[in-house]
């Protein structure tokens, strides 16, 4: 990571705030150039993202992408309702307006929040799965308008097919191609009706997202236990889509919880800025989470979610903000010991760049570990069938099964991961940081970091397809290399990079899709100094590959 900005962890200054009127004006006034790759629709691991200030998230993108989704639904025979939710970013409301105009014109049965409110990503996933249960036709799907934890000027648009989770590339590739064709054709073939007419259309419905999700939460987390134990909980929605869910949850389950910040403001002026001086609702960043961390002594456990509530940040009295990898390992250890109705074959899903302490926990539990490429889409099928009890990413995103072993969501759910921290405290009398410390006493302390290294376009292309033979490392930081991988061992899929493992550490390197850097994820079970040596030898080994 680059040098930390002097303002990191401090309240955002007025000059750091986004000019919201200009941002929204640019959404409608800007016209993306379909011949410019930077301004085309591009689906990454979490949909299309961009900002109207750079002509990368404008009305044209949303109209074209929505029509492309309508075409895809028609081709696949999807005739059930489409659940659509938004987060609290300023571009979400305008994008919702554009999307509804197109969905209504195409005759899609659209379900939007009955109160004109905000809807977390996991709630949309839950709604899709609940509707589709027991059905083989007329299936539902969904759209979430969110750029996740990105800065206030960004917008995002993602599609969840009938399985309820993130769309795979076989879907997004089709949608992306169709959308860009509509952009290139100046949107002439996009079906659209006036927004006022669209809202009155017979196929556009007001839907209560809150009640079914809140009523079902007790089937995935033991909230009766949390209530009876009187666990004191602090909650910070970080101004995101979960903000109006917490009071119904607290009231229904009788929790001793306090929502410490209920503000909704598209500038997110209440945030403390991230490491680089930008406002970013990243609940795994100690800088963005400085306010909640400062309140840790008031609560037994506290937690926050990012803007669409698919990520979690856990703050404990004993340890402060938990490293996401540490909390994943803790939850896996706890869940598989306290969910007796889960199938004996239910596996643990992790990404190739997640901590190896998860491997050690899985071995102790006697559970199968499935290591996948980066992206939550790889956990969808397993969570849907019960093949995975838990699926989690190092970037603080995870979901797990209901208490009876049935599917809960197939997208990340930061709400249940936060509530689980309270269940852990209620059942064990120890907070998740204390549980993790017990794990490290048995398995060793992992020292983990991700750094960015400058790389040219050609170097990134080489890294994306490098083979173990090309890298040819025999030892790493003094230890023999146990394995060198370019495909995830859990499913044999290439992960667009390389990973080298020893018994005491590892590194994985992947090119960035948006910046002129490559990312090195590394971990040592020896010391921070050993970690640094792994990082240095990783860079040296890759430099030789680039030079050859």
Protein backbone atom coordinates (compact mmCIF):
# COMPACT_ATOMS: atom_id res chain seq x y z
CA UNK A 1 0.00 0.00 0.00
CA UNK A 2 1.18 3.55 -0.75
CA UNK A 3 1.88 6.15 1.92
CA UNK A 4 -1.04 6.86 4.22
CA UNK A 5 -2.71 10.23 3.65
CA UNK A 6 -2.36 12.76 6.50
CA UNK A 7 -6.16 13.01 6.79
CA UNK A 8 -6.69 9.24 7.03
CA UNK A 9 -8.97 8.33 9.93
CA UNK A 10 -10.12 11.93 10.36
CA UNK A 11 -13.49 13.51 9.60
CA UNK A 12 -13.97 14.36 5.93
CA UNK A 13 -13.27 18.05 5.23
CA UNK A 14 -15.80 20.14 3.26
CA UNK A 15 -13.51 20.33 0.24
CA UNK A 16 -13.42 16.51 0.06
CA UNK A 17 -17.19 16.25 -0.43
CA UNK A 18 -18.73 15.40 -3.79
CA UNK A 19 -20.83 18.04 -5.49
CA UNK A 20 -24.04 16.01 -5.70
CA UNK A 21 -26.06 18.32 -8.00
CA UNK A 22 -23.21 18.31 -10.55
CA UNK A 23 -22.86 14.53 -10.25
CA UNK A 24 -26.55 13.92 -10.94
CA UNK A 25 -26.59 16.49 -13.76
CA UNK A 26 -23.63 14.71 -15.35
CA UNK A 27 -25.56 11.40 -15.12
CA UNK A 28 -28.29 12.78 -17.40
CA UNK A 29 -26.20 15.18 -19.51
CA UNK A 30 -23.15 13.01 -20.19
CA UNK A 31 -23.16 10.86 -23.31
CA UNK A 32 -20.78 7.87 -23.19
CA UNK A 33 -18.71 7.26 -26.32
CA UNK A 34 -19.31 3.64 -27.33
CA UNK A 35 -16.10 3.66 -29.38
CA UNK A 36 -14.02 4.44 -26.28
CA UNK A 37 -13.35 1.24 -24.27
CA UNK A 38 -13.18 3.29 -21.06
CA UNK A 39 -16.76 4.50 -21.57
CA UNK A 40 -18.38 1.22 -22.56
CA UNK A 41 -20.41 -1.07 -20.31
CA UNK A 42 -17.96 -3.38 -18.53
CA UNK A 43 -19.04 -6.02 -16.03
CA UNK A 44 -16.40 -6.88 -13.45
CA UNK A 45 -16.79 -9.25 -10.50
CA UNK A 46 -19.52 -6.99 -9.07
CA UNK A 47 -21.29 -5.59 -12.12
CA UNK A 48 -20.74 -2.35 -14.03
CA UNK A 49 -19.22 0.50 -12.01
CA UNK A 50 -18.17 4.02 -12.81
CA UNK A 51 -18.92 7.71 -12.27
CA UNK A 52 -20.89 10.22 -14.30
CA UNK A 53 -17.98 12.65 -13.96
CA UNK A 54 -15.94 10.43 -16.30
CA UNK A 55 -18.81 9.27 -18.55
CA UNK A 56 -18.50 5.76 -17.13
CA UNK A 57 -21.85 5.65 -15.30
CA UNK A 58 -24.50 7.63 -17.14
CA UNK A 59 -28.12 7.27 -18.10
CA UNK A 60 -27.03 5.70 -21.39
CA UNK A 61 -25.23 2.88 -19.57
CA UNK A 62 -28.28 2.07 -17.42
CA UNK A 63 -30.82 2.24 -20.27
CA UNK A 64 -28.63 0.01 -22.46
CA UNK A 65 -27.81 -2.49 -19.70
CA UNK A 66 -31.43 -2.72 -18.53
CA UNK A 67 -32.63 -3.42 -22.08
CA UNK A 68 -29.88 -6.05 -22.37
CA UNK A 69 -31.17 -7.73 -19.18
CA UNK A 70 -34.70 -7.68 -20.60
CA UNK A 71 -33.40 -9.39 -23.74
CA UNK A 72 -31.52 -11.97 -21.69
CA UNK A 73 -34.61 -12.72 -19.59
CA UNK A 74 -36.70 -13.19 -22.72
CA UNK A 75 -34.12 -15.51 -24.27
CA UNK A 76 -33.97 -17.62 -21.09
CA UNK A 77 -37.73 -17.65 -20.55
CA UNK A 78 -37.54 -15.82 -17.21
CA UNK A 79 -41.07 -14.60 -16.56
CA UNK A 80 -41.10 -14.23 -12.79
CA UNK A 81 -40.70 -10.93 -10.92
CA UNK A 82 -37.47 -8.97 -10.94
CA UNK A 83 -36.56 -7.65 -7.48
CA UNK A 84 -34.67 -4.37 -7.70
CA UNK A 85 -32.87 -2.61 -4.86
CA UNK A 86 -30.69 0.45 -4.48
CA UNK A 87 -28.15 1.68 -1.97
CA UNK A 88 -27.61 5.23 -0.72
CA UNK A 89 -25.08 6.46 -3.31
CA UNK A 90 -26.28 9.59 -5.09
CA UNK A 91 -26.38 7.92 -8.51
CA UNK A 92 -28.58 5.06 -7.31
CA UNK A 93 -31.88 6.98 -7.40
CA UNK A 94 -31.38 8.34 -10.95
CA UNK A 95 -30.28 4.90 -12.15
CA UNK A 96 -33.38 3.32 -10.57
CA UNK A 97 -35.55 5.80 -12.46
CA UNK A 98 -33.87 4.92 -15.75
CA UNK A 99 -34.09 1.19 -15.10
CA UNK A 100 -37.79 1.28 -14.20
CA UNK A 101 -38.60 3.16 -17.41
CA UNK A 102 -37.06 0.33 -19.44
CA UNK A 103 -38.32 -2.61 -17.36
CA UNK A 104 -41.85 -1.21 -17.44
CA UNK A 105 -41.75 -0.71 -21.20
CA UNK A 106 -40.58 -4.30 -21.66
CA UNK A 107 -43.39 -5.73 -19.54
CA UNK A 108 -41.09 -7.07 -16.80
CA UNK A 109 -42.82 -7.60 -13.45
CA UNK A 110 -40.71 -5.31 -11.28
CA UNK A 111 -40.69 -5.29 -7.46
CA UNK A 112 -39.43 -2.05 -5.88
CA UNK A 113 -39.34 -1.04 -2.21
CA UNK A 114 -42.81 0.03 -1.10
CA UNK A 115 -41.51 2.99 0.89
CA UNK A 116 -39.06 4.22 -1.74
CA UNK A 117 -36.29 3.03 0.54
CA UNK A 118 -32.95 1.28 0.22
CA UNK A 119 -32.41 -2.45 -0.12
CA UNK A 120 -29.23 -4.34 0.83
CA UNK A 121 -27.74 -6.82 -1.64
CA UNK A 122 -28.39 -9.85 0.63
CA UNK A 123 -32.06 -8.86 0.97
CA UNK A 124 -32.46 -8.99 -2.82
CA UNK A 125 -30.77 -12.42 -2.86
CA UNK A 126 -33.06 -13.60 -0.06
CA UNK A 127 -36.15 -12.33 -1.93
CA UNK A 128 -35.15 -14.14 -5.13
CA UNK A 129 -34.51 -17.44 -3.35
CA UNK A 130 -37.67 -17.19 -1.26
CA UNK A 131 -39.81 -16.62 -4.34
CA UNK A 132 -38.14 -19.36 -6.37
CA UNK A 133 -38.33 -22.04 -3.67
CA UNK A 134 -40.23 -25.02 -5.04
CA UNK A 135 -40.62 -23.48 -8.50
CA UNK A 136 -39.20 -24.79 -11.75
CA UNK A 137 -40.68 -22.11 -14.03
CA UNK A 138 -41.67 -18.46 -13.80
CA UNK A 139 -38.45 -17.83 -11.88
CA UNK A 140 -37.48 -14.52 -10.30
CA UNK A 141 -34.17 -12.67 -10.57
CA UNK A 142 -32.89 -9.29 -9.44
CA UNK A 143 -30.85 -6.13 -9.88
CA UNK A 144 -28.94 -4.19 -7.22
CA UNK A 145 -27.89 -0.63 -8.01
CA UNK A 146 -24.75 -0.16 -5.92
CA UNK A 147 -20.98 0.34 -6.25
CA UNK A 148 -20.54 -1.31 -2.84
CA UNK A 149 -18.07 0.57 -0.62
CA UNK A 150 -16.80 2.83 -3.43
CA UNK A 151 -16.54 6.63 -3.02
CA UNK A 152 -19.69 8.82 -3.14
CA UNK A 153 -19.26 9.85 -6.78
CA UNK A 154 -19.47 6.25 -8.01
CA UNK A 155 -22.43 4.20 -9.20
CA UNK A 156 -22.85 0.49 -9.77
CA UNK A 157 -25.34 -1.86 -11.43
CA UNK A 158 -25.29 -5.62 -10.95
CA UNK A 159 -27.52 -8.51 -11.98
CA UNK A 160 -28.43 -11.58 -9.92
CA UNK A 161 -29.97 -14.47 -11.92
CA UNK A 162 -32.52 -16.92 -10.46
CA UNK A 163 -29.88 -18.63 -8.29
CA UNK A 164 -29.82 -15.40 -6.27
CA UNK A 165 -26.07 -14.82 -6.40
CA UNK A 166 -23.74 -12.73 -8.57
CA UNK A 167 -24.07 -13.42 -12.28
CA UNK A 168 -21.28 -15.51 -13.81
CA UNK A 169 -19.34 -14.44 -16.89
CA UNK A 170 -21.53 -16.59 -19.14
CA UNK A 171 -24.37 -14.21 -18.20
CA UNK A 172 -22.52 -10.90 -17.84
CA UNK A 173 -20.70 -11.47 -21.12
CA UNK A 174 -24.02 -11.65 -22.97
CA UNK A 175 -25.47 -8.64 -21.14
CA UNK A 176 -22.32 -6.59 -21.67
CA UNK A 177 -22.22 -7.33 -25.41
CA UNK A 178 -25.88 -6.49 -25.91
CA UNK A 179 -25.62 -3.31 -23.83
CA UNK A 180 -22.67 -1.99 -25.80
CA UNK A 181 -24.51 -2.68 -29.05
CA UNK A 182 -27.38 -0.52 -27.78
CA UNK A 183 -24.90 2.21 -26.82
CA UNK A 184 -23.31 2.07 -30.26
CA UNK A 185 -26.78 2.40 -31.82
CA UNK A 186 -27.52 5.58 -29.82
CA UNK A 187 -30.11 3.65 -27.77
CA UNK A 188 -32.56 3.71 -30.69
CA UNK A 189 -33.80 0.17 -30.06
CA UNK A 190 -34.19 0.58 -26.28
CA UNK A 191 -37.82 0.34 -25.18
CA UNK A 192 -38.69 3.06 -22.68
CA UNK A 193 -41.71 4.84 -21.27
CA UNK A 194 -42.01 8.01 -19.21
CA UNK A 195 -41.20 7.47 -15.52
CA UNK A 196 -44.58 8.72 -14.27
CA UNK A 197 -46.33 6.23 -16.54
CA UNK A 198 -43.89 3.49 -15.60
CA UNK A 199 -44.67 3.89 -11.89
CA UNK A 200 -48.37 3.50 -12.65
CA UNK A 201 -47.87 0.53 -14.97
CA UNK A 202 -49.58 -2.72 -14.00
CA UNK A 203 -46.26 -4.58 -14.04
CA UNK A 204 -44.47 -2.26 -11.56
CA UNK A 205 -45.22 -3.29 -7.97
CA UNK A 206 -44.47 -1.91 -4.50
CA UNK A 207 -42.92 -4.65 -2.37
CA UNK A 208 -42.14 -5.03 1.33
CA UNK A 209 -38.51 -6.13 1.37
CA UNK A 210 -38.00 -5.50 5.08
CA UNK A 211 -40.55 -7.75 6.81
CA UNK A 212 -39.78 -11.15 5.17
CA UNK A 213 -36.02 -10.75 5.57
CA UNK A 214 -36.22 -9.57 9.19
CA UNK A 215 -38.75 -12.28 10.11
CA UNK A 216 -36.46 -14.97 8.70
CA UNK A 217 -33.22 -13.87 10.41
CA UNK A 218 -33.83 -16.04 13.46
CA UNK A 219 -33.51 -19.10 11.23
CA UNK A 220 -29.88 -18.29 10.39
CA UNK A 221 -28.57 -16.67 13.60
CA UNK A 222 -29.70 -17.64 17.12
CA UNK A 223 -31.11 -14.26 18.09
CA UNK A 224 -33.10 -15.66 21.01
CA UNK A 225 -29.78 -16.62 22.57
CA UNK A 226 -28.37 -13.15 21.88
CA UNK A 227 -31.42 -11.59 23.58
CA UNK A 228 -31.28 -13.83 26.64
CA UNK A 229 -27.55 -13.24 27.10
CA UNK A 230 -28.07 -9.48 26.96
CA UNK A 231 -25.12 -8.91 24.63
CA UNK A 232 -24.58 -5.17 24.16
CA UNK A 233 -24.27 -4.48 20.45
CA UNK A 234 -23.16 -1.37 18.55
CA UNK A 235 -24.16 -0.99 14.91
CA UNK A 236 -22.95 1.51 12.30
CA UNK A 237 -24.60 1.20 8.88
CA UNK A 238 -22.03 3.72 7.50
CA UNK A 239 -24.93 5.57 5.91
CA UNK A 240 -25.82 2.55 3.81
CA UNK A 241 -28.82 0.53 2.69
CA UNK A 242 -29.16 -1.41 5.97
CA UNK A 243 -29.93 1.71 8.00
CA UNK A 244 -33.73 1.17 8.04
CA UNK A 245 -33.43 -2.55 8.73
CA UNK A 246 -31.80 -2.34 12.12
CA UNK A 247 -34.65 -0.96 14.20
CA UNK A 248 -37.10 -3.62 12.93
CA UNK A 249 -34.46 -6.28 13.72
CA UNK A 250 -33.78 -4.88 17.19
CA UNK A 251 -37.48 -4.59 18.02
CA UNK A 252 -38.52 -7.99 16.66
CA UNK A 253 -35.81 -9.91 18.49
CA UNK A 254 -35.53 -7.75 21.62
CA UNK A 255 -31.82 -7.08 21.16
CA UNK A 256 -29.77 -4.81 23.41
CA UNK A 257 -28.41 -2.86 20.46
CA UNK A 258 -27.67 0.74 19.60
CA UNK A 259 -27.48 2.13 16.06
CA UNK A 260 -24.74 4.70 16.55
CA UNK A 261 -25.25 6.53 13.26
CA UNK A 262 -28.55 6.75 11.39
CA UNK A 263 -27.58 9.50 8.98
CA UNK A 264 -28.17 9.17 5.25
CA UNK A 265 -26.27 11.75 3.24
CA UNK A 266 -25.06 11.19 -0.34
CA UNK A 267 -21.85 13.11 0.41
CA UNK A 268 -21.14 10.72 3.32
CA UNK A 269 -19.74 13.72 5.19
CA UNK A 270 -19.96 11.81 8.48
CA UNK A 271 -17.28 9.32 7.38
CA UNK A 272 -13.68 9.37 8.47
CA UNK A 273 -11.59 9.21 5.30
CA UNK A 274 -9.74 6.14 4.12
CA UNK A 275 -5.98 5.54 3.83
CA UNK A 276 -5.66 7.59 0.61
CA UNK A 277 -7.70 10.57 1.77
CA UNK A 278 -10.86 9.48 -0.08
CA UNK A 279 -14.26 8.88 1.42
CA UNK A 280 -14.90 5.17 1.13
CA UNK A 281 -17.41 3.12 3.12
CA UNK A 282 -14.98 0.25 3.60
CA UNK A 283 -15.88 -1.53 6.82
CA UNK A 284 -12.59 -3.47 6.79
CA UNK A 285 -10.49 -0.29 6.82
CA UNK A 286 -9.32 0.97 10.24
CA UNK A 287 -9.34 4.51 8.82
CA UNK A 288 -12.91 4.42 7.52
CA UNK A 289 -13.98 2.65 10.72
CA UNK A 290 -12.26 5.05 13.14
CA UNK A 291 -15.53 6.34 14.64
CA UNK A 292 -16.90 2.91 15.56
CA UNK A 293 -13.50 1.70 16.77
CA UNK A 294 -13.45 4.71 19.11
CA UNK A 295 -16.70 3.48 20.68
CA UNK A 296 -15.55 -0.10 21.27
CA UNK A 297 -15.57 0.15 25.06
CA UNK A 298 -19.31 0.92 25.03
CA UNK A 299 -20.25 -2.49 23.59
CA UNK A 300 -19.53 -6.19 23.94
CA UNK A 301 -19.30 -6.36 20.15
CA UNK A 302 -19.89 -3.79 17.41
CA UNK A 303 -20.05 -4.03 13.67
CA UNK A 304 -20.56 -2.05 10.47
CA UNK A 305 -21.57 -2.81 6.92
CA UNK A 306 -20.60 -1.23 3.64
CA UNK A 307 -23.17 0.69 1.62
CA UNK A 308 -25.06 -2.31 0.19
CA UNK A 309 -24.49 -4.38 3.36
CA UNK A 310 -22.78 -7.30 1.66
CA UNK A 311 -19.59 -6.78 3.68
CA UNK A 312 -18.95 -6.72 7.41
CA UNK A 313 -16.50 -5.10 9.79
CA UNK A 314 -16.29 -6.52 13.32
CA UNK A 315 -15.10 -4.41 16.27
CA UNK A 316 -14.46 -6.04 19.65
CA UNK A 317 -13.74 -4.54 23.03
CA UNK A 318 -10.69 -6.75 23.44
CA UNK A 319 -9.12 -6.33 20.01
CA UNK A 320 -10.61 -3.42 18.07
CA UNK A 321 -11.29 -3.91 14.35
CA UNK A 322 -10.72 -7.52 13.34
CA UNK A 323 -8.75 -8.39 10.25
CA UNK A 324 -11.29 -9.89 7.80
CA UNK A 325 -9.28 -13.12 7.49
CA UNK A 326 -9.18 -13.49 11.27
CA UNK A 327 -12.94 -13.15 11.56
CA UNK A 328 -13.54 -15.64 8.72
CA UNK A 329 -11.43 -18.23 10.52
CA UNK A 330 -13.25 -17.53 13.78
CA UNK A 331 -16.72 -17.83 12.26
CA UNK A 332 -15.83 -21.07 10.47
CA UNK A 333 -14.49 -22.58 13.70
CA UNK A 334 -17.59 -21.51 15.60
CA UNK A 335 -20.27 -22.36 13.04
CA UNK A 336 -19.17 -25.90 12.28
CA UNK A 337 -19.06 -26.63 16.01
CA UNK A 338 -22.51 -25.17 16.71
CA UNK A 339 -24.64 -26.09 13.70
CA UNK A 340 -25.46 -29.78 14.34
CA UNK A 341 -28.09 -29.89 11.59
CA UNK A 342 -25.65 -29.00 8.84
CA UNK A 343 -24.74 -31.89 6.56
CA UNK A 344 -21.65 -33.85 7.50
CA UNK A 345 -20.33 -33.26 4.00
CA UNK A 346 -20.92 -29.48 4.04
CA UNK A 347 -17.62 -27.94 2.96
CA UNK A 348 -15.81 -24.68 3.66
CA UNK A 349 -15.32 -22.33 0.70
CA UNK A 350 -12.47 -19.82 0.58
CA UNK A 351 -10.66 -17.89 -2.14
CA UNK A 352 -7.05 -18.55 -3.14
CA UNK A 353 -5.98 -15.27 -1.53
CA UNK A 354 -7.61 -15.91 1.86
CA UNK A 355 -5.57 -16.80 4.95
CA UNK A 356 -4.15 -20.30 5.35
CA UNK A 357 -5.29 -20.34 8.97
CA UNK A 358 -8.64 -21.29 7.42
CA UNK A 359 -6.96 -24.41 6.01
CA UNK A 360 -5.69 -25.31 9.48
CA UNK A 361 -9.11 -24.75 11.05
CA UNK A 362 -10.78 -26.86 8.35
CA UNK A 363 -8.33 -29.69 8.98
CA UNK A 364 -9.05 -29.63 12.71
CA UNK A 365 -12.78 -29.66 12.02
CA UNK A 366 -12.40 -32.57 9.61
CA UNK A 367 -14.22 -30.57 6.93
CA UNK A 368 -13.46 -30.44 3.23
CA UNK A 369 -11.88 -27.15 2.13
CA UNK A 370 -12.68 -25.86 -1.37
CA UNK A 371 -10.31 -23.14 -2.58
CA UNK A 372 -11.68 -21.06 -5.47
CA UNK A 373 -10.66 -18.12 -7.64
CA UNK A 374 -11.52 -14.64 -6.40
CA UNK A 375 -15.22 -13.79 -6.66
CA UNK A 376 -18.26 -14.80 -4.63
CA UNK A 377 -19.88 -16.35 -7.70
CA UNK A 378 -17.79 -19.47 -7.06
CA UNK A 379 -19.70 -20.16 -3.84
CA UNK A 380 -23.20 -19.81 -5.28
CA UNK A 381 -23.89 -23.42 -6.26
CA UNK A 382 -22.46 -24.81 -3.02
CA UNK A 383 -24.53 -22.50 -0.83
CA UNK A 384 -27.63 -23.19 -2.92
CA UNK A 385 -27.36 -26.97 -2.50
CA UNK A 386 -25.90 -27.09 1.02
CA UNK A 387 -22.60 -28.35 -0.37
CA UNK A 388 -20.95 -25.36 1.30
CA UNK A 389 -21.78 -24.61 4.92
CA UNK A 390 -19.82 -21.38 4.59
CA UNK A 391 -18.31 -19.37 1.75
CA UNK A 392 -16.11 -16.36 2.38
CA UNK A 393 -13.71 -13.92 0.75
CA UNK A 394 -10.69 -12.20 2.27
CA UNK A 395 -12.35 -8.86 1.45
CA UNK A 396 -14.87 -9.26 4.32
CA UNK A 397 -17.68 -10.84 2.33
CA UNK A 398 -19.32 -14.13 3.35
CA UNK A 399 -22.55 -16.04 3.81
CA UNK A 400 -23.54 -19.31 5.43
CA UNK A 401 -26.44 -21.74 5.68
CA UNK A 402 -29.54 -21.49 7.83
CA UNK A 403 -29.38 -23.29 11.16
CA UNK A 404 -31.22 -26.28 9.62
CA UNK A 405 -28.71 -26.54 6.75
CA UNK A 406 -30.86 -24.99 4.02
CA UNK A 407 -29.76 -22.07 1.82
CA UNK A 408 -29.98 -18.56 3.28
CA UNK A 409 -28.47 -16.29 0.61
CA UNK A 410 -26.19 -16.93 -2.34
CA UNK A 411 -24.72 -13.46 -2.17
CA UNK A 412 -22.62 -11.97 0.59
CA UNK A 413 -24.56 -10.99 3.72
CA UNK A 414 -22.84 -8.56 6.06
CA UNK A 415 -25.90 -8.35 8.28
CA UNK A 416 -25.78 -11.98 9.42
CA UNK A 417 -21.99 -11.88 9.81
CA UNK A 418 -22.40 -8.96 12.21
CA UNK A 419 -25.18 -10.63 14.17
CA UNK A 420 -23.15 -13.83 14.34
CA UNK A 421 -20.47 -11.95 16.31
CA UNK A 422 -23.14 -11.33 18.95
CA UNK A 423 -24.18 -15.00 18.90
CA UNK A 424 -20.56 -16.07 19.41
CA UNK A 425 -20.33 -13.73 22.41
CA UNK A 426 -23.65 -14.98 23.80
CA UNK A 427 -22.79 -18.67 23.55
CA UNK A 428 -19.12 -18.66 24.52
CA UNK A 429 -18.84 -15.63 26.78
CA UNK A 430 -15.86 -14.53 24.69
CA UNK A 431 -15.76 -12.07 21.83
CA UNK A 432 -14.52 -13.11 18.35
CA UNK A 433 -11.08 -11.57 18.91
CA UNK A 434 -10.61 -13.73 22.01
CA UNK A 435 -11.72 -16.83 20.08
CA UNK A 436 -9.24 -16.00 17.33
CA UNK A 437 -6.44 -15.63 19.86
CA UNK A 438 -7.22 -19.15 21.06
CA UNK A 439 -6.96 -20.39 17.47
CA UNK A 440 -3.56 -18.77 16.98
CA UNK A 441 -2.30 -20.38 20.18
CA UNK A 442 -2.96 -23.71 18.47
CA UNK A 443 -2.28 -22.95 14.80
CA UNK A 444 0.17 -20.03 14.90
CA UNK A 445 -0.30 -16.34 14.15
CA UNK A 446 -0.73 -15.48 10.46
CA UNK A 447 0.97 -12.30 9.25
CA UNK A 448 -0.95 -11.25 6.12
CA UNK A 449 -0.75 -8.27 3.77
CA UNK A 450 -1.66 -7.15 0.28
CA UNK A 451 0.57 -4.74 -1.61
CA UNK A 452 0.39 -3.18 -5.08
CA UNK A 453 3.40 -3.23 -7.40
CA UNK A 454 3.72 -1.05 -10.52
CA UNK A 455 3.29 -3.01 -13.76
CA UNK A 456 2.92 -2.21 -17.45
CA UNK A 457 0.12 -3.55 -19.62
CA UNK A 458 2.36 -6.21 -21.20
CA UNK A 459 3.63 -7.29 -17.77
CA UNK A 460 0.05 -7.64 -16.50
CA UNK A 461 -0.78 -9.76 -19.54
CA UNK A 462 2.21 -12.04 -18.84
CA UNK A 463 1.20 -12.42 -15.18
CA UNK A 464 -2.36 -13.33 -16.09
CA UNK A 465 -1.18 -16.40 -17.99
CA UNK A 466 2.11 -17.26 -16.25
CA UNK A 467 2.68 -20.97 -15.60
CA UNK A 468 4.34 -22.64 -12.60
CA UNK A 469 7.12 -23.80 -14.95
CA UNK A 470 7.83 -20.24 -16.08
CA UNK A 471 8.14 -18.99 -12.51
CA UNK A 472 10.17 -22.00 -11.43
CA UNK A 473 10.63 -21.13 -7.74
CA UNK A 474 12.07 -24.02 -5.71
CA UNK A 475 12.21 -22.27 -2.36
CA UNK A 476 10.59 -19.18 -0.86
CA UNK A 477 11.97 -17.17 2.07
CA UNK A 478 14.09 -20.10 3.23
CA UNK A 479 11.46 -22.83 2.93
CA UNK A 480 10.95 -25.44 0.18
CA UNK A 481 8.11 -24.69 -2.21
CA UNK A 482 5.28 -27.16 -1.65
CA UNK A 483 3.11 -26.12 -4.58
CA UNK A 484 2.94 -23.54 -7.37
CA UNK A 485 -0.55 -22.98 -8.74
CA UNK A 486 -2.20 -21.09 -11.57
CA UNK A 487 -5.55 -22.83 -11.10
CA UNK A 488 -7.64 -22.93 -7.95
CA UNK A 489 -7.29 -26.37 -6.34
CA UNK A 490 -10.94 -26.46 -5.32
CA UNK A 491 -12.40 -26.38 -8.82
CA UNK A 492 -9.51 -26.36 -11.28
CA UNK A 493 -10.41 -22.90 -12.61
CA UNK A 494 -7.62 -20.46 -13.56
CA UNK A 495 -7.50 -17.47 -11.23
CA UNK A 496 -5.56 -15.14 -13.54
CA UNK A 497 -2.27 -15.21 -11.71
CA UNK A 498 0.12 -17.42 -9.74
CA UNK A 499 0.33 -18.74 -6.17
CA UNK A 500 3.38 -20.23 -4.44
CA UNK A 501 3.04 -22.14 -1.15
CA UNK A 502 5.38 -23.45 1.53
CA UNK A 503 4.60 -24.97 4.92
CA UNK A 504 5.13 -21.59 6.58
CA UNK A 505 3.90 -19.03 4.08
CA UNK A 506 2.67 -18.23 0.59
CA UNK A 507 2.12 -15.48 -1.92
CA UNK A 508 -0.33 -14.99 -4.76
CA UNK A 509 0.04 -12.40 -7.53
CA UNK A 510 -2.76 -11.14 -9.79
CA UNK A 511 -2.89 -8.18 -12.21
CA UNK A 512 -5.28 -5.32 -11.44
CA UNK A 513 -8.11 -4.93 -13.92
CA UNK A 514 -8.27 -1.16 -13.56
CA UNK A 515 -4.83 0.14 -12.55
CA UNK A 516 -1.24 -0.22 -13.79
CA UNK A 517 -0.28 -2.47 -10.91
CA UNK A 518 -0.33 -6.09 -9.89
CA UNK A 519 -1.42 -7.21 -6.46
CA UNK A 520 0.67 -9.43 -4.20
CA UNK A 521 -1.21 -11.19 -1.42
CA UNK A 522 1.18 -12.83 1.03
CA UNK A 523 1.18 -14.53 4.39
CA UNK A 524 3.74 -15.82 6.87
CA UNK A 525 3.28 -18.02 9.90
CA UNK A 526 6.74 -17.05 11.17
CA UNK A 527 7.00 -13.26 11.57
CA UNK A 528 6.39 -9.87 9.93
CA UNK A 529 10.03 -9.95 8.79
CA UNK A 530 9.45 -13.31 7.12
CA UNK A 531 6.37 -11.87 5.42
CA UNK A 532 8.43 -9.01 4.02
CA UNK A 533 10.99 -11.49 2.70
CA UNK A 534 8.22 -13.45 0.96
CA UNK A 535 6.98 -10.23 -0.67
CA UNK A 536 10.47 -9.27 -1.82
CA UNK A 537 11.24 -12.70 -3.28
CA UNK A 538 7.86 -12.77 -4.99
CA UNK A 539 8.63 -9.49 -6.74
CA UNK A 540 12.12 -10.64 -7.68
CA UNK A 541 10.82 -13.91 -9.13
CA UNK A 542 8.15 -12.17 -11.17
CA UNK A 543 10.64 -9.57 -12.41
CA UNK A 544 12.68 -12.40 -13.94
CA UNK A 545 9.57 -13.73 -15.68
CA UNK A 546 8.79 -10.26 -17.08
CA UNK A 547 12.38 -9.88 -18.34
CA UNK A 548 12.55 -13.28 -20.05
